[in-house]
């Protein structure tokens, strides 16, 4: 069962959110795994952004069990303030898929635009 985590993203700022997957107190070995995540307006709604290990939006730390969520400021600056949902899935080499996290995502409006 996926854990629930509220993800807050500041519009116009770089997001580097590190996570660590522990299983029975030990880091989960993510060697050879891939990850994917989508941010949507609602479940089944409009896709706002897709992150995965191939596009660099998600970086896995192998034996350390770390997962880094990366969204550049150039991407988040194009989003409008909204509340939506996301989930994060890990795909292991044997094709087992684990939905690790899910929950609400909130985009906080940028006030300082640098213009």
PDB file of N, CA and C in Angstrom:
ATOM      1  N   UNK A   1       0.845  -1.184   0.000  1.00  0.00           N
ATOM      2  CA  UNK A   1       0.000   0.000   0.000  1.00  0.00           C
ATOM      3  C   UNK A   1       0.886   1.242   0.000  1.00  0.00           C
ATOM      4  N   UNK A   2       0.572   2.161  -0.897  1.00  0.00           N
ATOM      5  CA  UNK A   2       1.360   3.379  -1.046  1.00  0.00           C
ATOM      6  C   UNK A   2       1.224   4.282   0.173  1.00  0.00           C
ATOM      7  N   UNK A   3       2.323   4.903   0.551  1.00  0.00           N
ATOM      8  CA  UNK A   3       2.293   5.906   1.605  1.00  0.00           C
ATOM      9  C   UNK A   3       1.729   7.205   1.051  1.00  0.00           C
ATOM     10  N   UNK A   4       1.228   8.042   1.925  1.00  0.00           N
ATOM     11  CA  UNK A   4       0.687   9.333   1.513  1.00  0.00           C
ATOM     12  C   UNK A   4       1.635  10.439   1.957  1.00  0.00           C
ATOM     13  N   UNK A   5       1.964  11.319   1.026  1.00  0.00           N
ATOM     14  CA  UNK A   5       2.879  12.423   1.296  1.00  0.00           C
ATOM     15  C   UNK A   5       2.378  13.636   0.540  1.00  0.00           C
ATOM     16  N   UNK A   6       2.202  14.757   1.241  1.00  0.00           N
ATOM     17  CA  UNK A   6       1.759  16.008   0.612  1.00  0.00           C
ATOM     18  C   UNK A   6       2.980  16.669  -0.008  1.00  0.00           C
ATOM     19  N   UNK A   7       2.938  16.879  -1.310  1.00  0.00           N
ATOM     20  CA  UNK A   7       4.048  17.477  -2.044  1.00  0.00           C
ATOM     21  C   UNK A   7       3.724  18.933  -2.342  1.00  0.00           C
ATOM     22  N   UNK A   8       4.556  19.843  -1.847  1.00  0.00           N
ATOM     23  CA  UNK A   8       4.383  21.270  -2.107  1.00  0.00           C
ATOM     24  C   UNK A   8       5.503  21.725  -3.030  1.00  0.00           C
ATOM     25  N   UNK A   9       5.125  22.397  -4.096  1.00  0.00           N
ATOM     26  CA  UNK A   9       6.088  22.889  -5.075  1.00  0.00           C
ATOM     27  C   UNK A   9       5.921  24.398  -5.186  1.00  0.00           C
ATOM     28  N   UNK A  10       7.022  25.117  -5.039  1.00  0.00           N
ATOM     29  CA  UNK A  10       6.997  26.566  -5.191  1.00  0.00           C
ATOM     30  C   UNK A  10       7.165  26.918  -6.665  1.00  0.00           C
ATOM     31  N   UNK A  11       6.181  27.595  -7.225  1.00  0.00           N
ATOM     32  CA  UNK A  11       6.234  28.013  -8.621  1.00  0.00           C
ATOM     33  C   UNK A  11       7.488  28.860  -8.844  1.00  0.00           C
ATOM     34  N   UNK A  12       8.234  28.577  -9.900  1.00  0.00           N
ATOM     35  CA  UNK A  12       9.412  29.369 -10.243  1.00  0.00           C
ATOM     36  C   UNK A  12      10.668  29.008  -9.473  1.00  0.00           C
ATOM     37  N   UNK A  13      10.598  28.002  -8.612  1.00  0.00           N
ATOM     38  CA  UNK A  13      11.768  27.578  -7.837  1.00  0.00           C
ATOM     39  C   UNK A  13      12.169  26.162  -8.252  1.00  0.00           C
ATOM     40  N   UNK A  14      13.439  25.853  -8.082  1.00  0.00           N
ATOM     41  CA  UNK A  14      13.929  24.506  -8.342  1.00  0.00           C
ATOM     42  C   UNK A  14      13.527  23.599  -7.190  1.00  0.00           C
ATOM     43  N   UNK A  15      12.965  22.448  -7.512  1.00  0.00           N
ATOM     44  CA  UNK A  15      12.624  21.465  -6.492  1.00  0.00           C
ATOM     45  C   UNK A  15      13.650  20.339  -6.538  1.00  0.00           C
ATOM     46  N   UNK A  16      14.314  20.090  -5.440  1.00  0.00           N
ATOM     47  CA  UNK A  16      15.195  18.944  -5.243  1.00  0.00           C
ATOM     48  C   UNK A  16      14.761  18.315  -3.929  1.00  0.00           C
ATOM     49  N   UNK A  17      13.830  17.365  -4.007  1.00  0.00           N
ATOM     50  CA  UNK A  17      13.266  16.756  -2.810  1.00  0.00           C
ATOM     51  C   UNK A  17      13.838  15.356  -2.645  1.00  0.00           C
ATOM     52  N   UNK A  18      14.746  15.172  -1.663  1.00  0.00           N
ATOM     53  CA  UNK A  18      15.297  13.834  -1.436  1.00  0.00           C
ATOM     54  C   UNK A  18      14.368  12.997  -0.554  1.00  0.00           C
ATOM     55  N   UNK A  19      14.242  11.734  -0.906  1.00  0.00           N
ATOM     56  CA  UNK A  19      13.466  10.768  -0.137  1.00  0.00           C
ATOM     57  C   UNK A  19      14.334   9.536   0.081  1.00  0.00           C
ATOM     58  N   UNK A  20      13.999   8.750   1.074  1.00  0.00           N
ATOM     59  CA  UNK A  20      14.720   7.499   1.303  1.00  0.00           C
ATOM     60  C   UNK A  20      13.714   6.417   1.639  1.00  0.00           C
ATOM     61  N   UNK A  21      13.789   5.306   0.930  1.00  0.00           N
ATOM     62  CA  UNK A  21      12.889   4.178   1.134  1.00  0.00           C
ATOM     63  C   UNK A  21      13.571   3.202   2.077  1.00  0.00           C
ATOM     64  N   UNK A  22      12.972   3.047   3.251  1.00  0.00           N
ATOM     65  CA  UNK A  22      13.467   2.100   4.235  1.00  0.00           C
ATOM     66  C   UNK A  22      12.484   0.937   4.350  1.00  0.00           C
ATOM     67  N   UNK A  23      13.018  -0.264   4.433  1.00  0.00           N
ATOM     68  CA  UNK A  23      12.211  -1.464   4.623  1.00  0.00           C
ATOM     69  C   UNK A  23      12.776  -2.198   5.832  1.00  0.00           C
ATOM     70  N   UNK A  24      11.972  -2.342   6.879  1.00  0.00           N
ATOM     71  CA  UNK A  24      12.431  -2.924   8.143  1.00  0.00           C
ATOM     72  C   UNK A  24      13.663  -2.205   8.677  1.00  0.00           C
ATOM     73  N   UNK A  25      13.684  -0.885   8.520  1.00  0.00           N
ATOM     74  CA  UNK A  25      14.764  -0.063   9.040  1.00  0.00           C
ATOM     75  C   UNK A  25      16.008  -0.014   8.178  1.00  0.00           C
ATOM     76  N   UNK A  26      16.027  -0.733   7.070  1.00  0.00           N
ATOM     77  CA  UNK A  26      17.188  -0.770   6.173  1.00  0.00           C
ATOM     78  C   UNK A  26      16.829  -0.144   4.832  1.00  0.00           C
ATOM     79  N   UNK A  27      17.799   0.513   4.168  1.00  0.00           N
ATOM     80  CA  UNK A  27      17.511   1.083   2.846  1.00  0.00           C
ATOM     81  C   UNK A  27      17.105  -0.004   1.848  1.00  0.00           C
ATOM     82  N   UNK A  28      16.079   0.269   1.062  1.00  0.00           N
ATOM     83  CA  UNK A  28      15.632  -0.651   0.016  1.00  0.00           C
ATOM     84  C   UNK A  28      16.605  -0.540  -1.162  1.00  0.00           C
ATOM     85  N   UNK A  29      17.127  -1.665  -1.618  1.00  0.00           N
ATOM     86  CA  UNK A  29      18.071  -1.672  -2.736  1.00  0.00           C
ATOM     87  C   UNK A  29      17.324  -1.390  -4.035  1.00  0.00           C
ATOM     88  N   UNK A  30      17.666  -0.285  -4.681  1.00  0.00           N
ATOM     89  CA  UNK A  30      17.009   0.130  -5.914  1.00  0.00           C
ATOM     90  C   UNK A  30      17.901  -0.095  -7.142  1.00  0.00           C
ATOM     91  N   UNK A  31      18.935  -0.908  -6.993  1.00  0.00           N
ATOM     92  CA  UNK A  31      19.843  -1.191  -8.098  1.00  0.00           C
ATOM     93  C   UNK A  31      19.070  -1.763  -9.276  1.00  0.00           C
ATOM     94  N   UNK A  32      19.231  -1.148 -10.448  1.00  0.00           N
ATOM     95  CA  UNK A  32      18.576  -1.614 -11.667  1.00  0.00           C
ATOM     96  C   UNK A  32      17.129  -1.201 -11.804  1.00  0.00           C
ATOM     97  N   UNK A  33      16.568  -0.562 -10.789  1.00  0.00           N
ATOM     98  CA  UNK A  33      15.168  -0.146 -10.843  1.00  0.00           C
ATOM     99  C   UNK A  33      15.023   1.164 -11.630  1.00  0.00           C
ATOM    100  N   UNK A  34      13.816   1.416 -12.044  1.00  0.00           N
ATOM    101  CA  UNK A  34      13.452   2.680 -12.666  1.00  0.00           C
ATOM    102  C   UNK A  34      12.309   3.271 -11.857  1.00  0.00           C
ATOM    103  N   UNK A  35      12.060   4.555 -12.042  1.00  0.00           N
ATOM    104  CA  UNK A  35      10.971   5.211 -11.325  1.00  0.00           C
ATOM    105  C   UNK A  35      10.197   6.103 -12.282  1.00  0.00           C
ATOM    106  N   UNK A  36       8.923   6.310 -11.956  1.00  0.00           N
ATOM    107  CA  UNK A  36       8.073   7.183 -12.760  1.00  0.00           C
ATOM    108  C   UNK A  36       7.073   7.877 -11.836  1.00  0.00           C
ATOM    109  N   UNK A  37       6.716   9.090 -12.219  1.00  0.00           N
ATOM    110  CA  UNK A  37       5.812   9.894 -11.398  1.00  0.00           C
ATOM    111  C   UNK A  37       5.061  10.838 -12.317  1.00  0.00           C
ATOM    112  N   UNK A  38       3.779  11.017 -12.036  1.00  0.00           N
ATOM    113  CA  UNK A  38       2.984  11.984 -12.783  1.00  0.00           C
ATOM    114  C   UNK A  38       2.282  12.925 -11.819  1.00  0.00           C
ATOM    115  N   UNK A  39       2.227  14.178 -12.215  1.00  0.00           N
ATOM    116  CA  UNK A  39       1.456  15.203 -11.502  1.00  0.00           C
ATOM    117  C   UNK A  39       0.273  15.529 -12.406  1.00  0.00           C
ATOM    118  N   UNK A  40      -0.933  15.417 -11.854  1.00  0.00           N
ATOM    119  CA  UNK A  40      -2.151  15.650 -12.631  1.00  0.00           C
ATOM    120  C   UNK A  40      -3.102  16.560 -11.862  1.00  0.00           C
ATOM    121  N   UNK A  41      -4.044  17.129 -12.574  1.00  0.00           N
ATOM    122  CA  UNK A  41      -5.051  17.982 -11.941  1.00  0.00           C
ATOM    123  C   UNK A  41      -5.948  17.175 -11.013  1.00  0.00           C
ATOM    124  N   UNK A  42      -6.165  15.915 -11.332  1.00  0.00           N
ATOM    125  CA  UNK A  42      -6.966  14.969 -10.533  1.00  0.00           C
ATOM    126  C   UNK A  42      -6.627  13.586 -11.047  1.00  0.00           C
ATOM    127  N   UNK A  43      -7.011  12.550 -10.315  1.00  0.00           N
ATOM    128  CA  UNK A  43      -6.804  11.189 -10.802  1.00  0.00           C
ATOM    129  C   UNK A  43      -7.514  11.048 -12.148  1.00  0.00           C
ATOM    130  N   UNK A  44      -6.779  10.676 -13.187  1.00  0.00           N
ATOM    131  CA  UNK A  44      -7.335  10.586 -14.525  1.00  0.00           C
ATOM    132  C   UNK A  44      -7.484  11.927 -15.217  1.00  0.00           C
ATOM    133  N   UNK A  45      -7.069  13.016 -14.547  1.00  0.00           N
ATOM    134  CA  UNK A  45      -7.210  14.365 -15.100  1.00  0.00           C
ATOM    135  C   UNK A  45      -6.057  14.744 -16.021  1.00  0.00           C
ATOM    136  N   UNK A  46      -5.954  16.018 -16.291  1.00  0.00           N
ATOM    137  CA  UNK A  46      -4.946  16.559 -17.195  1.00  0.00           C
ATOM    138  C   UNK A  46      -3.545  16.370 -16.617  1.00  0.00           C
ATOM    139  N   UNK A  47      -2.630  15.874 -17.450  1.00  0.00           N
ATOM    140  CA  UNK A  47      -1.241  15.697 -17.049  1.00  0.00           C
ATOM    141  C   UNK A  47      -0.553  17.063 -16.987  1.00  0.00           C
ATOM    142  N   UNK A  48       0.034  17.378 -15.840  1.00  0.00           N
ATOM    143  CA  UNK A  48       0.784  18.614 -15.664  1.00  0.00           C
ATOM    144  C   UNK A  48       2.262  18.378 -15.955  1.00  0.00           C
ATOM    145  N   UNK A  49       2.798  17.269 -15.419  1.00  0.00           N
ATOM    146  CA  UNK A  49       4.224  16.978 -15.614  1.00  0.00           C
ATOM    147  C   UNK A  49       4.497  15.508 -15.341  1.00  0.00           C
ATOM    148  N   UNK A  50       5.398  14.927 -16.128  1.00  0.00           N
ATOM    149  CA  UNK A  50       5.830  13.542 -15.932  1.00  0.00           C
ATOM    150  C   UNK A  50       7.310  13.549 -15.624  1.00  0.00           C
ATOM    151  N   UNK A  51       7.664  12.834 -14.560  1.00  0.00           N
ATOM    152  CA  UNK A  51       9.062  12.671 -14.184  1.00  0.00           C
ATOM    153  C   UNK A  51       9.384  11.188 -14.236  1.00  0.00           C
ATOM    154  N   UNK A  52      10.593  10.868 -14.645  1.00  0.00           N
ATOM    155  CA  UNK A  52      11.036   9.479 -14.592  1.00  0.00           C
ATOM    156  C   UNK A  52      12.557   9.440 -14.578  1.00  0.00           C
ATOM    157  N   UNK A  53      13.091   8.240 -14.462  1.00  0.00           N
ATOM    158  CA  UNK A  53      14.544   8.108 -14.387  1.00  0.00           C
ATOM    159  C   UNK A  53      15.198   8.371 -15.735  1.00  0.00           C
ATOM    160  N   UNK A  54      14.490   8.207 -16.830  1.00  0.00           N
ATOM    161  CA  UNK A  54      15.106   8.456 -18.129  1.00  0.00           C
ATOM    162  C   UNK A  54      15.152   9.942 -18.490  1.00  0.00           C
ATOM    163  N   UNK A  55      14.228  10.760 -17.966  1.00  0.00           N
ATOM    164  CA  UNK A  55      14.269  12.191 -18.272  1.00  0.00           C
ATOM    165  C   UNK A  55      14.969  13.003 -17.173  1.00  0.00           C
ATOM    166  N   UNK A  56      15.498  12.330 -16.151  1.00  0.00           N
ATOM    167  CA  UNK A  56      16.252  13.006 -15.097  1.00  0.00           C
ATOM    168  C   UNK A  56      15.412  13.620 -13.998  1.00  0.00           C
ATOM    169  N   UNK A  57      14.102  13.492 -14.098  1.00  0.00           N
ATOM    170  CA  UNK A  57      13.228  14.042 -13.062  1.00  0.00           C
ATOM    171  C   UNK A  57      13.265  13.245 -11.772  1.00  0.00           C
ATOM    172  N   UNK A  58      13.650  11.973 -11.876  1.00  0.00           N
ATOM    173  CA  UNK A  58      13.806  11.104 -10.704  1.00  0.00           C
ATOM    174  C   UNK A  58      15.184  10.449 -10.778  1.00  0.00           C
ATOM    175  N   UNK A  59      15.908  10.508  -9.673  1.00  0.00           N
ATOM    176  CA  UNK A  59      17.245   9.915  -9.603  1.00  0.00           C
ATOM    177  C   UNK A  59      17.252   8.923  -8.448  1.00  0.00           C
ATOM    178  N   UNK A  60      17.602   7.669  -8.748  1.00  0.00           N
ATOM    179  CA  UNK A  60      17.621   6.622  -7.728  1.00  0.00           C
ATOM    180  C   UNK A  60      19.042   6.388  -7.236  1.00  0.00           C
ATOM    181  N   UNK A  61      19.175   6.119  -5.928  1.00  0.00           N
ATOM    182  CA  UNK A  61      20.466   5.939  -5.295  1.00  0.00           C
ATOM    183  C   UNK A  61      20.841   4.503  -5.011  1.00  0.00           C
ATOM    184  N   UNK A  62      20.432   3.569  -5.834  1.00  0.00           N
ATOM    185  CA  UNK A  62      20.826   2.152  -5.748  1.00  0.00           C
ATOM    186  C   UNK A  62      20.720   1.611  -4.331  1.00  0.00           C
ATOM    187  N   UNK A  63      21.856   1.126  -3.765  1.00  0.00           N
ATOM    188  CA  UNK A  63      21.843   0.481  -2.448  1.00  0.00           C
ATOM    189  C   UNK A  63      21.433   1.431  -1.322  1.00  0.00           C
ATOM    190  N   UNK A  64      21.595   2.727  -1.522  1.00  0.00           N
ATOM    191  CA  UNK A  64      21.261   3.709  -0.488  1.00  0.00           C
ATOM    192  C   UNK A  64      19.750   3.873  -0.318  1.00  0.00           C
ATOM    193  N   UNK A  65      18.975   3.415  -1.306  1.00  0.00           N
ATOM    194  CA  UNK A  65      17.527   3.514  -1.223  1.00  0.00           C
ATOM    195  C   UNK A  65      16.992   4.923  -1.379  1.00  0.00           C
ATOM    196  N   UNK A  66      17.793   5.807  -1.969  1.00  0.00           N
ATOM    197  CA  UNK A  66      17.371   7.202  -2.098  1.00  0.00           C
ATOM    198  C   UNK A  66      16.658   7.449  -3.420  1.00  0.00           C
ATOM    199  N   UNK A  67      15.760   8.414  -3.366  1.00  0.00           N
ATOM    200  CA  UNK A  67      15.007   8.854  -4.537  1.00  0.00           C
ATOM    201  C   UNK A  67      15.026  10.378  -4.500  1.00  0.00           C
ATOM    202  N   UNK A  68      15.525  10.990  -5.566  1.00  0.00           N
ATOM    203  CA  UNK A  68      15.557  12.444  -5.647  1.00  0.00           C
ATOM    204  C   UNK A  68      14.538  12.887  -6.684  1.00  0.00           C
ATOM    205  N   UNK A  69      13.602  13.738  -6.257  1.00  0.00           N
ATOM    206  CA  UNK A  69      12.621  14.336  -7.164  1.00  0.00           C
ATOM    207  C   UNK A  69      13.184  15.681  -7.600  1.00  0.00           C
ATOM    208  N   UNK A  70      13.347  15.862  -8.925  1.00  0.00           N
ATOM    209  CA  UNK A  70      13.958  17.083  -9.461  1.00  0.00           C
ATOM    210  C   UNK A  70      13.032  17.751 -10.462  1.00  0.00           C
ATOM    211  N   UNK A  71      12.700  19.005 -10.180  1.00  0.00           N
ATOM    212  CA  UNK A  71      11.922  19.804 -11.127  1.00  0.00           C
ATOM    213  C   UNK A  71      12.629  21.147 -11.261  1.00  0.00           C
ATOM    214  N   UNK A  72      13.142  21.467 -12.459  1.00  0.00           N
ATOM    215  CA  UNK A  72      13.839  22.734 -12.655  1.00  0.00           C
ATOM    216  C   UNK A  72      12.900  23.940 -12.532  1.00  0.00           C
ATOM    217  N   UNK A  73      13.461  25.071 -12.140  1.00  0.00           N
ATOM    218  CA  UNK A  73      12.688  26.307 -12.021  1.00  0.00           C
ATOM    219  C   UNK A  73      12.039  26.685 -13.349  1.00  0.00           C
ATOM    220  N   UNK A  74      12.710  26.416 -14.462  1.00  0.00           N
ATOM    221  CA  UNK A  74      12.154  26.745 -15.782  1.00  0.00           C
ATOM    222  C   UNK A  74      10.848  25.999 -16.042  1.00  0.00           C
ATOM    223  N   UNK A  75      10.702  24.814 -15.467  1.00  0.00           N
ATOM    224  CA  UNK A  75       9.454  24.044 -15.615  1.00  0.00           C
ATOM    225  C   UNK A  75       8.396  24.557 -14.650  1.00  0.00           C
ATOM    226  N   UNK A  76       8.743  24.662 -13.354  1.00  0.00           N
ATOM    227  CA  UNK A  76       7.735  25.059 -12.358  1.00  0.00           C
ATOM    228  C   UNK A  76       7.237  26.488 -12.574  1.00  0.00           C
ATOM    229  N   UNK A  77       8.046  27.337 -13.212  1.00  0.00           N
ATOM    230  CA  UNK A  77       7.614  28.714 -13.438  1.00  0.00           C
ATOM    231  C   UNK A  77       6.468  28.802 -14.444  1.00  0.00           C
ATOM    232  N   UNK A  78       6.280  27.763 -15.259  1.00  0.00           N
ATOM    233  CA  UNK A  78       5.201  27.784 -16.254  1.00  0.00           C
ATOM    234  C   UNK A  78       3.862  27.321 -15.683  1.00  0.00           C
ATOM    235  N   UNK A  79       3.879  26.780 -14.478  1.00  0.00           N
ATOM    236  CA  UNK A  79       2.649  26.264 -13.885  1.00  0.00           C
ATOM    237  C   UNK A  79       1.876  27.361 -13.189  1.00  0.00           C
ATOM    238  N   UNK A  80       0.579  27.216 -13.185  1.00  0.00           N
ATOM    239  CA  UNK A  80      -0.281  28.127 -12.435  1.00  0.00           C
ATOM    240  C   UNK A  80      -0.526  27.531 -11.059  1.00  0.00           C
ATOM    241  N   UNK A  81      -0.951  28.343 -10.147  1.00  0.00           N
ATOM    242  CA  UNK A  81      -1.299  27.860  -8.817  1.00  0.00           C
ATOM    243  C   UNK A  81      -2.464  26.882  -8.937  1.00  0.00           C
ATOM    244  N   UNK A  82      -2.305  25.716  -8.353  1.00  0.00           N
ATOM    245  CA  UNK A  82      -3.377  24.739  -8.370  1.00  0.00           C
ATOM    246  C   UNK A  82      -3.117  23.678  -7.309  1.00  0.00           C
ATOM    247  N   UNK A  83      -4.135  22.871  -7.088  1.00  0.00           N
ATOM    248  CA  UNK A  83      -4.009  21.694  -6.238  1.00  0.00           C
ATOM    249  C   UNK A  83      -4.368  20.498  -7.096  1.00  0.00           C
ATOM    250  N   UNK A  84      -3.544  19.482  -7.037  1.00  0.00           N
ATOM    251  CA  UNK A  84      -3.773  18.293  -7.832  1.00  0.00           C
ATOM    252  C   UNK A  84      -3.333  17.063  -7.072  1.00  0.00           C
ATOM    253  N   UNK A  85      -2.927  16.037  -7.811  1.00  0.00           N
ATOM    254  CA  UNK A  85      -2.500  14.781  -7.212  1.00  0.00           C
ATOM    255  C   UNK A  85      -1.276  14.247  -7.955  1.00  0.00           C
ATOM    256  N   UNK A  86      -0.585  13.320  -7.308  1.00  0.00           N
ATOM    257  CA  UNK A  86       0.556  12.653  -7.930  1.00  0.00           C
ATOM    258  C   UNK A  86       0.654  11.250  -7.353  1.00  0.00           C
ATOM    259  N   UNK A  87       1.418  10.415  -8.025  1.00  0.00           N
ATOM    260  CA  UNK A  87       1.899   9.189  -7.410  1.00  0.00           C
ATOM    261  C   UNK A  87       3.277   8.865  -7.976  1.00  0.00           C
ATOM    262  N   UNK A  88       4.017   8.080  -7.216  1.00  0.00           N
ATOM    263  CA  UNK A  88       5.397   7.720  -7.537  1.00  0.00           C
ATOM    264  C   UNK A  88       5.492   6.204  -7.538  1.00  0.00           C
ATOM    265  N   UNK A  89       5.924   5.653  -8.666  1.00  0.00           N
ATOM    266  CA  UNK A  89       6.043   4.205  -8.812  1.00  0.00           C
ATOM    267  C   UNK A  89       7.495   3.809  -9.062  1.00  0.00           C
ATOM    268  N   UNK A  90       7.884   2.681  -8.478  1.00  0.00           N
ATOM    269  CA  UNK A  90       9.206   2.100  -8.701  1.00  0.00           C
ATOM    270  C   UNK A  90       8.992   0.815  -9.505  1.00  0.00           C
ATOM    271  N   UNK A  91       9.775   0.664 -10.576  1.00  0.00           N
ATOM    272  CA  UNK A  91       9.690  -0.519 -11.432  1.00  0.00           C
ATOM    273  C   UNK A  91      11.016  -1.267 -11.312  1.00  0.00           C
ATOM    274  N   UNK A  92      10.947  -2.471 -10.766  1.00  0.00           N
ATOM    275  CA  UNK A  92      12.144  -3.285 -10.561  1.00  0.00           C
ATOM    276  C   UNK A  92      12.492  -4.070 -11.824  1.00  0.00           C
ATOM    277  N   UNK A  93      13.743  -4.541 -11.930  1.00  0.00           N
ATOM    278  CA  UNK A  93      14.173  -5.265 -13.134  1.00  0.00           C
ATOM    279  C   UNK A  93      13.295  -6.470 -13.483  1.00  0.00           C
ATOM    280  N   UNK A  94      12.663  -7.104 -12.489  1.00  0.00           N
ATOM    281  CA  UNK A  94      11.785  -8.253 -12.774  1.00  0.00           C
ATOM    282  C   UNK A  94      10.372  -7.810 -13.170  1.00  0.00           C
ATOM    283  N   UNK A  95      10.200  -6.485 -13.409  1.00  0.00           N
ATOM    284  CA  UNK A  95       8.955  -5.845 -13.833  1.00  0.00           C
ATOM    285  C   UNK A  95       7.916  -5.720 -12.725  1.00  0.00           C
ATOM    286  N   UNK A  96       8.304  -5.990 -11.478  1.00  0.00           N
ATOM    287  CA  UNK A  96       7.428  -5.716 -10.341  1.00  0.00           C
ATOM    288  C   UNK A  96       7.298  -4.202 -10.203  1.00  0.00           C
ATOM    289  N   UNK A  97       6.069  -3.728 -10.053  1.00  0.00           N
ATOM    290  CA  UNK A  97       5.806  -2.302  -9.889  1.00  0.00           C
ATOM    291  C   UNK A  97       5.265  -2.068  -8.482  1.00  0.00           C
ATOM    292  N   UNK A  98       5.886  -1.117  -7.779  1.00  0.00           N
ATOM    293  CA  UNK A  98       5.438  -0.728  -6.439  1.00  0.00           C
ATOM    294  C   UNK A  98       5.049   0.746  -6.486  1.00  0.00           C
ATOM    295  N   UNK A  99       3.795   1.024  -6.143  1.00  0.00           N
ATOM    296  CA  UNK A  99       3.388   2.432  -5.994  1.00  0.00           C
ATOM    297  C   UNK A  99       3.809   2.842  -4.594  1.00  0.00           C
ATOM    298  N   UNK A 100       4.898   3.576  -4.513  1.00  0.00           N
ATOM    299  CA  UNK A 100       5.515   3.894  -3.237  1.00  0.00           C
ATOM    300  C   UNK A 100       4.815   5.038  -2.513  1.00  0.00           C
ATOM    301  N   UNK A 101       4.532   6.113  -3.234  1.00  0.00           N
ATOM    302  CA  UNK A 101       3.914   7.299  -2.634  1.00  0.00           C
ATOM    303  C   UNK A 101       2.787   7.811  -3.500  1.00  0.00           C
ATOM    304  N   UNK A 102       1.873   8.514  -2.846  1.00  0.00           N
ATOM    305  CA  UNK A 102       0.770   9.183  -3.538  1.00  0.00           C
ATOM    306  C   UNK A 102       0.297  10.320  -2.655  1.00  0.00           C
ATOM    307  N   UNK A 103      -0.447  11.213  -3.237  1.00  0.00           N
ATOM    308  CA  UNK A 103      -1.037  12.251  -2.407  1.00  0.00           C
ATOM    309  C   UNK A 103      -1.328  13.527  -3.147  1.00  0.00           C
ATOM    310  N   UNK A 104      -1.688  14.541  -2.388  1.00  0.00           N
ATOM    311  CA  UNK A 104      -1.984  15.836  -2.998  1.00  0.00           C
ATOM    312  C   UNK A 104      -0.695  16.579  -3.340  1.00  0.00           C
ATOM    313  N   UNK A 105      -0.783  17.380  -4.362  1.00  0.00           N
ATOM    314  CA  UNK A 105       0.310  18.276  -4.727  1.00  0.00           C
ATOM    315  C   UNK A 105      -0.267  19.682  -4.802  1.00  0.00           C
ATOM    316  N   UNK A 106       0.470  20.623  -4.229  1.00  0.00           N
ATOM    317  CA  UNK A 106       0.034  22.013  -4.200  1.00  0.00           C
ATOM    318  C   UNK A 106       1.135  22.858  -4.825  1.00  0.00           C
ATOM    319  N   UNK A 107       0.743  23.684  -5.799  1.00  0.00           N
ATOM    320  CA  UNK A 107       1.675  24.624  -6.410  1.00  0.00           C
ATOM    321  C   UNK A 107       1.431  25.978  -5.762  1.00  0.00           C
ATOM    322  N   UNK A 108       2.459  26.481  -5.105  1.00  0.00           N
ATOM    323  CA  UNK A 108       2.383  27.765  -4.418  1.00  0.00           C
ATOM    324  C   UNK A 108       2.826  28.870  -5.370  1.00  0.00           C
ATOM    325  N   UNK A 109       2.026  29.914  -5.489  1.00  0.00           N
ATOM    326  CA  UNK A 109       2.273  30.978  -6.450  1.00  0.00           C
ATOM    327  C   UNK A 109       3.549  31.758  -6.164  1.00  0.00           C
ATOM    328  N   UNK A 110       4.294  32.022  -7.216  1.00  0.00           N
ATOM    329  CA  UNK A 110       5.497  32.848  -7.142  1.00  0.00           C
ATOM    330  C   UNK A 110       5.082  34.316  -7.167  1.00  0.00           C
ATOM    331  N   UNK A 111       5.682  35.110  -6.279  1.00  0.00           N
ATOM    332  CA  UNK A 111       5.406  36.544  -6.249  1.00  0.00           C
ATOM    333  C   UNK A 111       6.524  37.308  -6.950  1.00  0.00           C
ATOM    334  N   UNK A 112       7.771  36.974  -6.656  1.00  0.00           N
ATOM    335  CA  UNK A 112       8.920  37.643  -7.264  1.00  0.00           C
ATOM    336  C   UNK A 112       9.243  36.950  -8.579  1.00  0.00           C
ATOM    337  N   UNK A 113       9.095  37.667  -9.673  1.00  0.00           N
ATOM    338  CA  UNK A 113       9.293  37.065 -10.997  1.00  0.00           C
ATOM    339  C   UNK A 113      10.615  37.458 -11.632  1.00  0.00           C
ATOM    340  N   UNK A 114      11.341  38.407 -11.072  1.00  0.00           N
ATOM    341  CA  UNK A 114      12.621  38.822 -11.628  1.00  0.00           C
ATOM    342  C   UNK A 114      12.476  39.744 -12.830  1.00  0.00           C
ATOM    343  N   UNK A 115      11.277  40.191 -13.104  1.00  0.00           N
ATOM    344  CA  UNK A 115      11.069  41.088 -14.252  1.00  0.00           C
ATOM    345  C   UNK A 115      11.141  42.520 -13.836  1.00  0.00           C
TER     346      UNK A 115
END
